[in-house]
Structures are given as C-alpha cells and as structure tokens.
Amino acid sequence: LIFDGSIEKLGVLFRFSGMNIKNKIVTPLDTIKYRWLYTLNFLVVFSAIIGSIFYVILGVKQGKNFIEVTSVAPCLTFSILSMIKSLYHLMYEEQIQ
C-alpha cells in the first residue's frame, strides 16, 4: 500500500510537468492536451539553461571571481539533467508506458 501511494505521487508529479505516463495518446487533440504543459516547462527550463550559460560566459569575460561565476553551476547542471531526462521520457514514451 505504501509503495502504491508512492507511485501515485510520482504520477502526479509527471502530470504537473506535462509528461503522460498512464494514458495513450491517440488523436492529435490528445497530443495538444498532454504536450502543452510539457512544452511550457521545456521552454522555461531551456531559458534557464541559456541564461545560466550566458551568466557564466559574461562573468568570465568581465573577470568576476570564481565563486560568483560558479554560483549558478548547481542550477545549470540540474536544469541540463532535467532536460535530458524529460527528452528521454518523451522519445521513449511508448516503451515507458
């Protein structure tokens, strides 16, 4: 029972991020319905990655200290990891279900 509850909570998190793990996508309307939130999430994370990369590049060019330049490194690495994982899930969605 505890395991089932944990799995159900993961399903809620997937739905909030726009990824579908339970329902089959059959029609184009289903695609739009399940992908709009994923697309919005993808754009937000992608903009955070681009912003972090520019911040690091500008910090190095302007000669800022190492601590200040690398302060965004954890956010950058987690954002890249989440982007890779969500793209993997999207590409292999049929096998995951």
N, C-alpha and C. Protein backbone atom coordinates (compact mmCIF):
# COMPACT_ATOMS: atom_id res chain seq x y z
N LEU A 1 0.80 -1.19 0.00
CA LEU A 1 0.00 0.00 0.00
C LEU A 1 0.85 1.26 0.00
N ILE A 2 1.92 1.26 0.74
CA ILE A 2 2.80 2.43 0.77
C ILE A 2 3.48 2.61 -0.58
N PHE A 3 3.89 1.49 -1.19
CA PHE A 3 4.54 1.56 -2.50
C PHE A 3 3.58 2.11 -3.55
N ASP A 4 2.33 1.66 -3.54
CA ASP A 4 1.34 2.15 -4.50
C ASP A 4 1.09 3.64 -4.32
N GLY A 5 1.06 4.09 -3.09
CA GLY A 5 0.89 5.52 -2.82
C GLY A 5 2.05 6.34 -3.35
N SER A 6 3.25 5.80 -3.20
CA SER A 6 4.44 6.49 -3.71
C SER A 6 4.41 6.58 -5.23
N ILE A 7 4.02 5.50 -5.88
CA ILE A 7 3.93 5.50 -7.34
C ILE A 7 2.87 6.50 -7.81
N GLU A 8 1.76 6.56 -7.11
CA GLU A 8 0.70 7.50 -7.48
C GLU A 8 1.17 8.95 -7.32
N LYS A 9 1.96 9.23 -6.28
CA LYS A 9 2.51 10.58 -6.10
C LYS A 9 3.45 10.93 -7.24
N LEU A 10 4.23 9.97 -7.71
CA LEU A 10 5.10 10.22 -8.86
C LEU A 10 4.28 10.54 -10.10
N GLY A 11 3.16 9.86 -10.28
CA GLY A 11 2.29 10.14 -11.41
C GLY A 11 1.78 11.56 -11.39
N VAL A 12 1.46 12.07 -10.20
CA VAL A 12 1.01 13.45 -10.06
C VAL A 12 2.13 14.40 -10.48
N LEU A 13 3.34 14.13 -10.05
CA LEU A 13 4.47 14.99 -10.43
C LEU A 13 4.70 14.97 -11.93
N PHE A 14 4.59 13.81 -12.55
CA PHE A 14 4.73 13.73 -14.00
C PHE A 14 3.65 14.55 -14.69
N ARG A 15 2.41 14.47 -14.20
CA ARG A 15 1.33 15.24 -14.82
C ARG A 15 1.58 16.73 -14.68
N PHE A 16 2.08 17.19 -13.52
CA PHE A 16 2.36 18.61 -13.34
C PHE A 16 3.47 19.09 -14.26
N SER A 17 4.40 18.23 -14.62
CA SER A 17 5.46 18.63 -15.53
C SER A 17 5.07 18.45 -16.99
N GLY A 18 3.88 17.93 -17.23
CA GLY A 18 3.40 17.79 -18.60
C GLY A 18 3.73 16.48 -19.26
N MET A 19 4.18 15.50 -18.51
CA MET A 19 4.50 14.20 -19.09
C MET A 19 3.41 13.20 -18.74
N ASN A 20 3.04 12.42 -19.70
CA ASN A 20 1.93 11.48 -19.56
C ASN A 20 2.49 10.08 -19.37
N ILE A 21 2.16 9.43 -18.25
CA ILE A 21 2.66 8.08 -18.05
C ILE A 21 1.55 7.03 -18.01
N LYS A 22 0.29 7.46 -17.99
CA LYS A 22 -0.79 6.48 -17.89
C LYS A 22 -1.63 6.36 -19.15
N ASN A 23 -1.94 7.45 -19.78
CA ASN A 23 -2.88 7.43 -20.90
C ASN A 23 -2.15 7.34 -22.23
N LYS A 24 -2.74 6.63 -23.15
CA LYS A 24 -2.20 6.55 -24.52
C LYS A 24 -2.63 7.79 -25.29
N ILE A 25 -1.73 8.32 -26.08
CA ILE A 25 -2.06 9.44 -26.95
C ILE A 25 -2.53 8.86 -28.27
N VAL A 26 -3.78 9.13 -28.61
CA VAL A 26 -4.39 8.52 -29.79
C VAL A 26 -4.64 9.55 -30.88
N THR A 27 -5.22 10.68 -30.52
CA THR A 27 -5.59 11.69 -31.51
C THR A 27 -4.67 12.90 -31.41
N PRO A 28 -4.66 13.75 -32.44
CA PRO A 28 -3.88 14.99 -32.36
C PRO A 28 -4.34 15.89 -31.21
N LEU A 29 -5.62 15.84 -30.88
CA LEU A 29 -6.12 16.63 -29.75
C LEU A 29 -5.52 16.13 -28.43
N ASP A 30 -5.34 14.83 -28.31
CA ASP A 30 -4.67 14.28 -27.13
C ASP A 30 -3.23 14.77 -27.04
N THR A 31 -2.58 14.84 -28.19
CA THR A 31 -1.20 15.32 -28.22
C THR A 31 -1.13 16.75 -27.71
N ILE A 32 -2.01 17.61 -28.19
CA ILE A 32 -2.03 19.00 -27.73
C ILE A 32 -2.36 19.07 -26.25
N LYS A 33 -3.33 18.28 -25.84
CA LYS A 33 -3.77 18.28 -24.45
C LYS A 33 -2.66 17.89 -23.49
N TYR A 34 -1.88 16.88 -23.84
CA TYR A 34 -0.83 16.41 -22.94
C TYR A 34 0.52 17.08 -23.15
N ARG A 35 0.70 17.76 -24.26
CA ARG A 35 2.01 18.33 -24.54
C ARG A 35 2.13 19.83 -24.26
N TRP A 36 1.04 20.55 -24.06
CA TRP A 36 1.16 21.99 -23.89
C TRP A 36 1.90 22.33 -22.61
N LEU A 37 1.61 21.63 -21.52
CA LEU A 37 2.30 21.88 -20.26
C LEU A 37 3.76 21.44 -20.35
N TYR A 38 4.02 20.33 -21.02
CA TYR A 38 5.39 19.88 -21.22
C TYR A 38 6.17 20.92 -22.02
N THR A 39 5.56 21.46 -23.07
CA THR A 39 6.23 22.46 -23.90
C THR A 39 6.54 23.71 -23.10
N LEU A 40 5.60 24.16 -22.30
CA LEU A 40 5.83 25.32 -21.45
C LEU A 40 6.96 25.06 -20.46
N ASN A 41 6.96 23.91 -19.82
CA ASN A 41 8.02 23.54 -18.89
C ASN A 41 9.37 23.45 -19.60
N PHE A 42 9.37 22.87 -20.79
CA PHE A 42 10.59 22.75 -21.58
C PHE A 42 11.17 24.13 -21.89
N LEU A 43 10.32 25.08 -22.29
CA LEU A 43 10.79 26.42 -22.63
C LEU A 43 11.35 27.15 -21.41
N VAL A 44 10.72 26.98 -20.26
CA VAL A 44 11.21 27.63 -19.04
C VAL A 44 12.57 27.07 -18.64
N VAL A 45 12.71 25.76 -18.66
CA VAL A 45 13.99 25.14 -18.28
C VAL A 45 15.07 25.48 -19.30
N PHE A 46 14.71 25.48 -20.59
CA PHE A 46 15.68 25.81 -21.62
C PHE A 46 16.15 27.25 -21.48
N SER A 47 15.24 28.18 -21.16
CA SER A 47 15.65 29.57 -20.97
C SER A 47 16.54 29.72 -19.74
N ALA A 48 16.30 28.92 -18.70
CA ALA A 48 17.17 28.94 -17.52
C ALA A 48 18.57 28.44 -17.87
N ILE A 49 18.66 27.42 -18.71
CA ILE A 49 19.96 26.90 -19.14
C ILE A 49 20.71 27.95 -19.94
N ILE A 50 20.04 28.56 -20.91
CA ILE A 50 20.69 29.58 -21.75
C ILE A 50 21.12 30.77 -20.89
N GLY A 51 20.26 31.21 -19.98
CA GLY A 51 20.61 32.33 -19.10
C GLY A 51 21.80 32.01 -18.22
N SER A 52 21.86 30.80 -17.69
CA SER A 52 22.99 30.41 -16.84
C SER A 52 24.29 30.34 -17.62
N ILE A 53 24.22 29.82 -18.83
CA ILE A 53 25.43 29.76 -19.67
C ILE A 53 25.93 31.16 -19.99
N PHE A 54 25.00 32.07 -20.35
CA PHE A 54 25.41 33.44 -20.64
C PHE A 54 25.99 34.12 -19.40
N TYR A 55 25.41 33.84 -18.23
CA TYR A 55 25.91 34.41 -16.99
C TYR A 55 27.35 33.97 -16.73
N VAL A 56 27.63 32.70 -16.94
CA VAL A 56 28.99 32.19 -16.74
C VAL A 56 29.94 32.81 -17.75
N ILE A 57 29.55 32.88 -19.01
CA ILE A 57 30.42 33.44 -20.05
C ILE A 57 30.70 34.91 -19.78
N LEU A 58 29.66 35.69 -19.45
CA LEU A 58 29.87 37.11 -19.16
C LEU A 58 30.71 37.30 -17.89
N GLY A 59 30.50 36.45 -16.90
CA GLY A 59 31.29 36.54 -15.68
C GLY A 59 32.77 36.30 -15.93
N VAL A 60 33.09 35.33 -16.79
CA VAL A 60 34.48 35.05 -17.13
C VAL A 60 35.07 36.21 -17.92
N LYS A 61 34.30 36.74 -18.88
CA LYS A 61 34.79 37.86 -19.70
C LYS A 61 35.01 39.11 -18.87
N GLN A 62 34.16 39.36 -17.88
CA GLN A 62 34.28 40.56 -17.05
C GLN A 62 35.26 40.39 -15.90
N GLY A 63 35.81 39.21 -15.75
CA GLY A 63 36.82 38.96 -14.73
C GLY A 63 36.27 38.84 -13.32
N LYS A 64 35.06 38.37 -13.17
CA LYS A 64 34.49 38.19 -11.84
C LYS A 64 35.18 37.02 -11.15
N ASN A 65 35.06 36.98 -9.82
CA ASN A 65 35.76 35.91 -9.10
C ASN A 65 35.08 34.56 -9.33
N PHE A 66 35.81 33.50 -9.00
CA PHE A 66 35.39 32.13 -9.29
C PHE A 66 34.08 31.77 -8.59
N ILE A 67 33.94 32.18 -7.34
CA ILE A 67 32.73 31.85 -6.57
C ILE A 67 31.50 32.48 -7.22
N GLU A 68 31.63 33.72 -7.65
CA GLU A 68 30.49 34.41 -8.26
C GLU A 68 30.11 33.78 -9.60
N VAL A 69 31.12 33.40 -10.38
CA VAL A 69 30.84 32.81 -11.69
C VAL A 69 30.21 31.43 -11.55
N THR A 70 30.69 30.64 -10.61
CA THR A 70 30.19 29.26 -10.48
C THR A 70 28.99 29.14 -9.54
N SER A 71 28.44 30.26 -9.10
CA SER A 71 27.27 30.19 -8.21
C SER A 71 26.05 29.61 -8.90
N VAL A 72 26.01 29.67 -10.22
CA VAL A 72 24.86 29.12 -10.96
C VAL A 72 25.12 27.69 -11.43
N ALA A 73 26.27 27.14 -11.13
CA ALA A 73 26.61 25.79 -11.61
C ALA A 73 25.63 24.72 -11.12
N PRO A 74 25.21 24.70 -9.87
CA PRO A 74 24.24 23.67 -9.46
C PRO A 74 22.92 23.77 -10.23
N CYS A 75 22.42 24.99 -10.38
CA CYS A 75 21.17 25.18 -11.13
C CYS A 75 21.34 24.76 -12.58
N LEU A 76 22.48 25.09 -13.16
CA LEU A 76 22.75 24.73 -14.55
C LEU A 76 22.81 23.22 -14.73
N THR A 77 23.50 22.53 -13.84
CA THR A 77 23.62 21.08 -14.01
C THR A 77 22.29 20.36 -13.77
N PHE A 78 21.52 20.80 -12.77
CA PHE A 78 20.21 20.18 -12.56
C PHE A 78 19.25 20.48 -13.70
N SER A 79 19.34 21.68 -14.27
CA SER A 79 18.48 22.02 -15.40
C SER A 79 18.82 21.17 -16.62
N ILE A 80 20.11 20.98 -16.88
CA ILE A 80 20.52 20.14 -18.01
C ILE A 80 20.09 18.70 -17.77
N LEU A 81 20.26 18.21 -16.55
CA LEU A 81 19.83 16.85 -16.23
C LEU A 81 18.33 16.68 -16.41
N SER A 82 17.55 17.63 -15.95
CA SER A 82 16.09 17.52 -16.10
C SER A 82 15.68 17.58 -17.56
N MET A 83 16.38 18.38 -18.35
CA MET A 83 16.07 18.47 -19.79
C MET A 83 16.37 17.14 -20.47
N ILE A 84 17.50 16.54 -20.16
CA ILE A 84 17.87 15.25 -20.77
C ILE A 84 16.88 14.17 -20.36
N LYS A 85 16.52 14.13 -19.08
CA LYS A 85 15.59 13.10 -18.62
C LYS A 85 14.20 13.26 -19.23
N SER A 86 13.74 14.49 -19.35
CA SER A 86 12.41 14.69 -19.93
C SER A 86 12.41 14.40 -21.42
N LEU A 87 13.48 14.73 -22.12
CA LEU A 87 13.57 14.39 -23.55
C LEU A 87 13.63 12.88 -23.74
N TYR A 88 14.36 12.19 -22.88
CA TYR A 88 14.43 10.73 -22.95
C TYR A 88 13.04 10.13 -22.73
N HIS A 89 12.33 10.65 -21.75
CA HIS A 89 10.98 10.16 -21.49
C HIS A 89 10.07 10.40 -22.69
N LEU A 90 10.19 11.55 -23.30
CA LEU A 90 9.35 11.88 -24.45
C LEU A 90 9.68 10.99 -25.65
N MET A 91 10.96 10.73 -25.89
CA MET A 91 11.35 9.92 -27.04
C MET A 91 10.92 8.46 -26.88
N TYR A 92 10.98 7.93 -25.67
CA TYR A 92 10.68 6.53 -25.42
C TYR A 92 9.37 6.36 -24.64
N GLU A 93 8.43 7.24 -24.90
CA GLU A 93 7.17 7.22 -24.16
C GLU A 93 6.39 5.93 -24.34
N GLU A 94 6.40 5.38 -25.53
CA GLU A 94 5.66 4.14 -25.78
C GLU A 94 6.22 2.97 -24.98
N GLN A 95 7.54 2.89 -24.83
CA GLN A 95 8.14 1.79 -24.08
C GLN A 95 7.97 1.99 -22.57
N ILE A 96 7.90 3.23 -22.12
CA ILE A 96 7.78 3.50 -20.69
C ILE A 96 6.40 3.13 -20.19
N GLN A 97 5.38 3.37 -21.00
CA GLN A 97 4.02 3.04 -20.57
C GLN A 97 3.89 1.56 -20.50
